Amino acid sequence: MSNVPDKFRYSEDHEWVAFDGESGIATIGITDYAQGELGDVVFLELPEVGATVAKGDSAGTIEAVKTVADLLAPFSGEITEVNAVLDDRPELVNTDPYGEGWMIRLRVDDRSAVEGLLDADAYQQHIG
């Protein structure tokens, strides 16, 4: 069974979201389930700070030994920060997906969109 912390919300595309309602900033990464499916992450290409993304668009590329996958934006907004540590240590996505392996921070355009994400129980059911 994958690790699915209760404190996050989840997309059906296997991104986790930690939303700070006060600032409107969401921290986003891929779930433990997703990193397990991808295998060892060897490289990430993340967007520039200040770039805007639309819900469902690619907000970065994750290269793993098995495959290449997109980090999909769970909602529209502006990139406020990227995790530069991953340039030198992409394996953090595998070893600490919900902590040091976070990928982007995004200023959310529509805060109500966060409510449309899955809670931990619903995500656990989604991945079976």
N, C-alpha and C. Protein backbone atom coordinates (compact mmCIF):
# COMPACT_ATOMS: atom_id res chain seq x y z
N MET A 1 0.85 -1.19 0.00
CA MET A 1 0.00 0.00 0.00
C MET A 1 0.89 1.25 0.00
N SER A 2 0.53 2.22 -0.83
CA SER A 2 1.30 3.46 -0.92
C SER A 2 1.07 4.35 0.29
N ASN A 3 2.04 5.19 0.53
CA ASN A 3 1.97 6.18 1.59
C ASN A 3 1.11 7.34 1.07
N VAL A 4 -0.03 7.62 1.74
CA VAL A 4 -0.93 8.70 1.33
C VAL A 4 -1.26 9.54 2.57
N PRO A 5 -0.42 10.54 2.87
CA PRO A 5 -0.66 11.35 4.07
C PRO A 5 -1.99 12.10 4.02
N ASP A 6 -2.67 12.14 5.17
CA ASP A 6 -3.96 12.82 5.28
C ASP A 6 -3.87 14.33 5.08
N LYS A 7 -2.69 14.92 5.33
CA LYS A 7 -2.59 16.38 5.33
C LYS A 7 -2.56 17.01 3.93
N PHE A 8 -2.52 16.19 2.88
CA PHE A 8 -2.48 16.72 1.52
C PHE A 8 -3.77 16.44 0.77
N ARG A 9 -3.95 17.14 -0.36
CA ARG A 9 -4.98 16.82 -1.34
C ARG A 9 -4.27 16.21 -2.54
N TYR A 10 -5.03 15.52 -3.37
CA TYR A 10 -4.42 14.76 -4.47
C TYR A 10 -5.18 14.94 -5.77
N SER A 11 -4.43 14.90 -6.88
CA SER A 11 -5.07 14.92 -8.19
C SER A 11 -5.19 13.47 -8.68
N GLU A 12 -6.09 13.25 -9.61
CA GLU A 12 -6.20 11.91 -10.20
C GLU A 12 -4.98 11.57 -11.05
N ASP A 13 -4.17 12.60 -11.36
CA ASP A 13 -2.94 12.40 -12.14
C ASP A 13 -1.72 12.15 -11.24
N HIS A 14 -1.97 11.93 -9.95
CA HIS A 14 -0.94 11.52 -8.98
C HIS A 14 -0.01 12.64 -8.52
N GLU A 15 -0.53 13.87 -8.48
CA GLU A 15 0.19 14.96 -7.83
C GLU A 15 -0.40 15.16 -6.43
N TRP A 16 0.46 15.52 -5.48
CA TRP A 16 -0.04 15.91 -4.16
C TRP A 16 0.06 17.44 -4.06
N VAL A 17 -0.80 18.00 -3.23
CA VAL A 17 -0.87 19.44 -3.07
C VAL A 17 -0.97 19.79 -1.59
N ALA A 18 -0.08 20.67 -1.15
CA ALA A 18 -0.18 21.27 0.19
C ALA A 18 -0.54 22.72 -0.06
N PHE A 19 -1.76 23.11 0.30
CA PHE A 19 -2.25 24.45 0.00
C PHE A 19 -2.24 25.33 1.23
N ASP A 20 -1.62 26.49 1.10
CA ASP A 20 -1.61 27.49 2.17
C ASP A 20 -2.69 28.51 1.83
N GLY A 21 -3.84 28.41 2.50
CA GLY A 21 -4.96 29.28 2.22
C GLY A 21 -4.68 30.74 2.47
N GLU A 22 -3.76 31.02 3.38
CA GLU A 22 -3.45 32.41 3.69
C GLU A 22 -2.71 33.09 2.54
N SER A 23 -1.71 32.43 1.99
CA SER A 23 -0.92 33.02 0.91
C SER A 23 -1.47 32.70 -0.47
N GLY A 24 -2.28 31.64 -0.56
CA GLY A 24 -2.78 31.20 -1.86
C GLY A 24 -1.75 30.42 -2.65
N ILE A 25 -0.69 29.96 -1.96
CA ILE A 25 0.39 29.22 -2.62
C ILE A 25 0.21 27.72 -2.36
N ALA A 26 0.34 26.95 -3.43
CA ALA A 26 0.27 25.49 -3.33
C ALA A 26 1.66 24.91 -3.60
N THR A 27 2.11 24.02 -2.73
CA THR A 27 3.33 23.25 -2.96
C THR A 27 2.89 21.94 -3.60
N ILE A 28 3.56 21.55 -4.69
CA ILE A 28 3.13 20.41 -5.49
C ILE A 28 4.29 19.47 -5.76
N GLY A 29 4.00 18.18 -5.69
CA GLY A 29 4.97 17.16 -6.05
C GLY A 29 4.20 15.95 -6.55
N ILE A 30 4.92 14.86 -6.80
CA ILE A 30 4.23 13.63 -7.19
C ILE A 30 4.11 12.71 -5.99
N THR A 31 3.10 11.88 -6.02
CA THR A 31 2.82 11.00 -4.88
C THR A 31 3.81 9.85 -4.79
N ASP A 32 3.79 9.21 -3.64
CA ASP A 32 4.61 8.02 -3.41
C ASP A 32 4.25 6.95 -4.44
N TYR A 33 2.96 6.80 -4.73
CA TYR A 33 2.52 5.84 -5.74
C TYR A 33 3.15 6.17 -7.10
N ALA A 34 3.11 7.44 -7.50
CA ALA A 34 3.64 7.84 -8.80
C ALA A 34 5.14 7.60 -8.89
N GLN A 35 5.88 7.96 -7.86
CA GLN A 35 7.34 7.75 -7.93
C GLN A 35 7.66 6.27 -7.99
N GLY A 36 6.85 5.44 -7.32
CA GLY A 36 7.05 4.00 -7.37
C GLY A 36 6.81 3.43 -8.76
N GLU A 37 5.79 3.97 -9.45
CA GLU A 37 5.49 3.54 -10.81
C GLU A 37 6.57 3.99 -11.80
N LEU A 38 7.12 5.18 -11.57
CA LEU A 38 8.13 5.71 -12.48
C LEU A 38 9.48 5.01 -12.33
N GLY A 39 9.81 4.62 -11.12
CA GLY A 39 11.14 4.08 -10.86
C GLY A 39 12.09 5.21 -10.48
N ASP A 40 13.38 4.94 -10.55
CA ASP A 40 14.38 5.91 -10.09
C ASP A 40 14.37 7.16 -10.96
N VAL A 41 14.09 8.29 -10.32
CA VAL A 41 14.08 9.58 -11.01
C VAL A 41 15.54 10.04 -11.18
N VAL A 42 15.89 10.38 -12.43
CA VAL A 42 17.27 10.76 -12.72
C VAL A 42 17.42 12.22 -13.15
N PHE A 43 16.32 12.87 -13.56
CA PHE A 43 16.42 14.26 -14.02
C PHE A 43 15.04 14.89 -13.99
N LEU A 44 14.99 16.18 -13.66
CA LEU A 44 13.74 16.93 -13.72
C LEU A 44 13.96 18.21 -14.50
N GLU A 45 12.99 18.53 -15.31
CA GLU A 45 12.99 19.82 -15.99
C GLU A 45 11.77 20.57 -15.48
N LEU A 46 12.02 21.61 -14.69
CA LEU A 46 10.95 22.36 -14.06
C LEU A 46 10.82 23.73 -14.71
N PRO A 47 9.64 24.34 -14.64
CA PRO A 47 9.42 25.63 -15.32
C PRO A 47 10.19 26.76 -14.65
N GLU A 48 10.24 27.89 -15.35
CA GLU A 48 10.86 29.09 -14.81
C GLU A 48 9.92 29.73 -13.79
N VAL A 49 10.50 30.33 -12.76
CA VAL A 49 9.70 31.13 -11.82
C VAL A 49 9.09 32.28 -12.61
N GLY A 50 7.80 32.53 -12.38
CA GLY A 50 7.09 33.57 -13.10
C GLY A 50 6.28 33.04 -14.27
N ALA A 51 6.55 31.81 -14.68
CA ALA A 51 5.77 31.20 -15.76
C ALA A 51 4.35 30.93 -15.27
N THR A 52 3.40 30.97 -16.18
CA THR A 52 2.03 30.63 -15.83
C THR A 52 1.67 29.29 -16.47
N VAL A 53 0.88 28.54 -15.76
CA VAL A 53 0.41 27.24 -16.26
C VAL A 53 -1.11 27.19 -16.13
N ALA A 54 -1.71 26.42 -17.02
CA ALA A 54 -3.15 26.20 -16.96
C ALA A 54 -3.40 24.81 -16.40
N LYS A 55 -4.53 24.64 -15.76
CA LYS A 55 -4.88 23.34 -15.20
C LYS A 55 -4.76 22.27 -16.28
N GLY A 56 -4.08 21.17 -15.93
CA GLY A 56 -3.91 20.06 -16.84
C GLY A 56 -2.71 20.16 -17.76
N ASP A 57 -2.07 21.34 -17.80
CA ASP A 57 -0.88 21.51 -18.63
C ASP A 57 0.35 20.95 -17.92
N SER A 58 1.37 20.69 -18.70
CA SER A 58 2.64 20.25 -18.13
C SER A 58 3.28 21.38 -17.35
N ALA A 59 3.68 21.07 -16.12
CA ALA A 59 4.39 22.03 -15.28
C ALA A 59 5.78 21.50 -14.98
N GLY A 60 6.28 20.67 -15.90
CA GLY A 60 7.61 20.09 -15.74
C GLY A 60 7.65 18.68 -16.28
N THR A 61 8.87 18.20 -16.45
CA THR A 61 9.10 16.85 -16.97
C THR A 61 9.92 16.07 -15.96
N ILE A 62 9.52 14.83 -15.75
CA ILE A 62 10.19 13.95 -14.80
C ILE A 62 10.78 12.80 -15.61
N GLU A 63 12.11 12.70 -15.62
CA GLU A 63 12.76 11.61 -16.33
C GLU A 63 13.20 10.56 -15.32
N ALA A 64 12.76 9.34 -15.57
CA ALA A 64 13.11 8.23 -14.70
C ALA A 64 13.77 7.15 -15.55
N VAL A 65 14.32 6.15 -14.88
CA VAL A 65 14.98 5.07 -15.59
C VAL A 65 14.00 4.37 -16.54
N LYS A 66 12.76 4.18 -16.08
CA LYS A 66 11.76 3.44 -16.86
C LYS A 66 11.09 4.28 -17.94
N THR A 67 10.89 5.58 -17.70
CA THR A 67 10.03 6.38 -18.58
C THR A 67 10.23 7.87 -18.34
N VAL A 68 9.55 8.67 -19.14
CA VAL A 68 9.50 10.11 -18.95
C VAL A 68 8.03 10.47 -18.75
N ALA A 69 7.75 11.32 -17.76
CA ALA A 69 6.37 11.71 -17.47
C ALA A 69 6.29 13.21 -17.25
N ASP A 70 5.10 13.75 -17.43
CA ASP A 70 4.86 15.17 -17.16
C ASP A 70 4.35 15.35 -15.75
N LEU A 71 4.78 16.43 -15.12
CA LEU A 71 4.15 16.91 -13.89
C LEU A 71 3.01 17.78 -14.37
N LEU A 72 1.77 17.38 -14.09
CA LEU A 72 0.61 18.12 -14.58
C LEU A 72 0.12 19.10 -13.51
N ALA A 73 -0.17 20.30 -13.96
CA ALA A 73 -0.66 21.33 -13.03
C ALA A 73 -2.07 20.99 -12.58
N PRO A 74 -2.30 20.81 -11.27
CA PRO A 74 -3.64 20.48 -10.79
C PRO A 74 -4.60 21.67 -10.87
N PHE A 75 -4.05 22.87 -11.06
CA PHE A 75 -4.87 24.05 -11.30
C PHE A 75 -4.02 25.12 -11.95
N SER A 76 -4.69 26.17 -12.42
CA SER A 76 -4.01 27.26 -13.11
C SER A 76 -3.37 28.22 -12.10
N GLY A 77 -2.25 28.82 -12.52
CA GLY A 77 -1.61 29.79 -11.66
C GLY A 77 -0.22 30.15 -12.15
N GLU A 78 0.50 30.85 -11.28
CA GLU A 78 1.85 31.32 -11.59
C GLU A 78 2.86 30.59 -10.73
N ILE A 79 3.94 30.14 -11.36
CA ILE A 79 5.02 29.46 -10.63
C ILE A 79 5.74 30.51 -9.77
N THR A 80 5.80 30.28 -8.47
CA THR A 80 6.47 31.23 -7.57
C THR A 80 7.83 30.70 -7.11
N GLU A 81 8.02 29.38 -7.21
CA GLU A 81 9.28 28.79 -6.76
C GLU A 81 9.40 27.39 -7.36
N VAL A 82 10.63 26.99 -7.65
CA VAL A 82 10.90 25.60 -8.04
C VAL A 82 11.95 25.06 -7.08
N ASN A 83 11.94 23.76 -6.89
CA ASN A 83 12.87 23.14 -5.96
C ASN A 83 14.21 22.91 -6.65
N ALA A 84 15.11 23.89 -6.54
CA ALA A 84 16.41 23.83 -7.21
C ALA A 84 17.28 22.70 -6.68
N VAL A 85 17.03 22.23 -5.46
CA VAL A 85 17.81 21.13 -4.89
C VAL A 85 17.71 19.89 -5.79
N LEU A 86 16.58 19.74 -6.48
CA LEU A 86 16.38 18.56 -7.33
C LEU A 86 17.30 18.54 -8.54
N ASP A 87 17.89 19.68 -8.91
CA ASP A 87 18.85 19.70 -10.01
C ASP A 87 20.01 18.75 -9.72
N ASP A 88 20.48 18.78 -8.49
CA ASP A 88 21.61 17.94 -8.08
C ASP A 88 21.19 16.64 -7.40
N ARG A 89 19.96 16.61 -6.89
CA ARG A 89 19.52 15.44 -6.11
C ARG A 89 18.11 14.99 -6.53
N PRO A 90 17.92 14.60 -7.81
CA PRO A 90 16.59 14.20 -8.27
C PRO A 90 16.05 12.98 -7.53
N GLU A 91 16.93 12.21 -6.92
CA GLU A 91 16.49 11.01 -6.19
C GLU A 91 15.62 11.34 -4.98
N LEU A 92 15.61 12.61 -4.54
CA LEU A 92 14.74 13.02 -3.43
C LEU A 92 13.26 12.79 -3.77
N VAL A 93 12.92 12.83 -5.06
CA VAL A 93 11.55 12.55 -5.48
C VAL A 93 11.17 11.12 -5.07
N ASN A 94 12.14 10.21 -5.13
CA ASN A 94 11.90 8.82 -4.73
C ASN A 94 11.98 8.62 -3.23
N THR A 95 12.97 9.23 -2.59
CA THR A 95 13.22 8.94 -1.17
C THR A 95 12.35 9.76 -0.23
N ASP A 96 11.90 10.95 -0.67
CA ASP A 96 11.11 11.83 0.20
C ASP A 96 10.10 12.61 -0.64
N PRO A 97 9.16 11.90 -1.32
CA PRO A 97 8.26 12.58 -2.25
C PRO A 97 7.39 13.65 -1.62
N TYR A 98 7.06 13.51 -0.34
CA TYR A 98 6.17 14.48 0.32
C TYR A 98 6.93 15.54 1.12
N GLY A 99 8.24 15.49 1.07
CA GLY A 99 9.05 16.44 1.83
C GLY A 99 10.02 17.16 0.91
N GLU A 100 11.30 16.78 1.00
CA GLU A 100 12.34 17.44 0.22
C GLU A 100 12.20 17.21 -1.28
N GLY A 101 11.35 16.26 -1.67
CA GLY A 101 11.15 15.96 -3.09
C GLY A 101 10.05 16.78 -3.74
N TRP A 102 9.54 17.83 -3.06
CA TRP A 102 8.53 18.69 -3.69
C TRP A 102 9.12 19.31 -4.95
N MET A 103 8.25 19.71 -5.89
CA MET A 103 8.76 20.19 -7.18
C MET A 103 8.53 21.67 -7.45
N ILE A 104 7.28 22.11 -7.30
CA ILE A 104 6.98 23.52 -7.62
C ILE A 104 6.07 24.12 -6.56
N ARG A 105 6.11 25.46 -6.51
CA ARG A 105 5.12 26.21 -5.74
C ARG A 105 4.40 27.11 -6.73
N LEU A 106 3.10 27.16 -6.58
CA LEU A 106 2.23 27.80 -7.55
C LEU A 106 1.25 28.72 -6.84
N ARG A 107 1.13 29.97 -7.31
CA ARG A 107 0.09 30.87 -6.78
C ARG A 107 -1.19 30.52 -7.52
N VAL A 108 -2.16 30.01 -6.80
CA VAL A 108 -3.39 29.47 -7.39
C VAL A 108 -4.32 30.59 -7.81
N ASP A 109 -4.78 30.54 -9.09
CA ASP A 109 -5.70 31.55 -9.60
C ASP A 109 -7.08 31.44 -8.95
N ASP A 110 -7.58 30.24 -8.84
CA ASP A 110 -8.93 30.01 -8.31
C ASP A 110 -8.82 29.10 -7.10
N ARG A 111 -8.87 29.70 -5.91
CA ARG A 111 -8.67 28.93 -4.68
C ARG A 111 -9.70 27.82 -4.49
N SER A 112 -10.89 28.00 -5.05
CA SER A 112 -11.92 26.96 -4.89
C SER A 112 -11.54 25.68 -5.64
N ALA A 113 -10.61 25.79 -6.60
CA ALA A 113 -10.18 24.60 -7.35
C ALA A 113 -9.53 23.57 -6.44
N VAL A 114 -8.95 24.04 -5.33
CA VAL A 114 -8.30 23.11 -4.39
C VAL A 114 -9.33 22.13 -3.83
N GLU A 115 -10.56 22.62 -3.64
CA GLU A 115 -11.61 21.76 -3.09
C GLU A 115 -11.99 20.63 -4.05
N GLY A 116 -11.68 20.79 -5.32
CA GLY A 116 -11.99 19.77 -6.30
C GLY A 116 -11.02 18.59 -6.29
N LEU A 117 -9.95 18.70 -5.52
CA LEU A 117 -8.98 17.62 -5.44
C LEU A 117 -9.46 16.52 -4.49
N LEU A 118 -8.85 15.37 -4.59
CA LEU A 118 -9.21 14.23 -3.76
C LEU A 118 -8.60 14.35 -2.37
N ASP A 119 -9.32 13.87 -1.37
CA ASP A 119 -8.69 13.75 -0.05
C ASP A 119 -7.93 12.42 -0.02
N ALA A 120 -7.24 12.17 1.06
CA ALA A 120 -6.37 10.98 1.14
C ALA A 120 -7.16 9.69 0.93
N ASP A 121 -8.34 9.57 1.53
CA ASP A 121 -9.14 8.35 1.39
C ASP A 121 -9.58 8.13 -0.06
N ALA A 122 -10.02 9.20 -0.71
CA ALA A 122 -10.47 9.09 -2.09
C ALA A 122 -9.29 8.75 -3.01
N TYR A 123 -8.12 9.33 -2.74
CA TYR A 123 -6.95 9.01 -3.57
C TYR A 123 -6.52 7.56 -3.37
N GLN A 124 -6.57 7.08 -2.13
CA GLN A 124 -6.20 5.69 -1.85
C GLN A 124 -7.13 4.76 -2.64
N GLN A 125 -8.40 5.09 -2.69
CA GLN A 125 -9.35 4.29 -3.48
C GLN A 125 -9.03 4.39 -4.97
N HIS A 126 -8.65 5.57 -5.42
CA HIS A 126 -8.33 5.81 -6.83
C HIS A 126 -7.18 4.92 -7.29
N ILE A 127 -6.17 4.76 -6.44
CA ILE A 127 -5.00 3.95 -6.84
C ILE A 127 -5.19 2.47 -6.51
N GLY A 128 -6.29 2.18 -5.81
CA GLY A 128 -6.65 0.80 -5.55
C GLY A 128 -5.80 0.15 -4.51
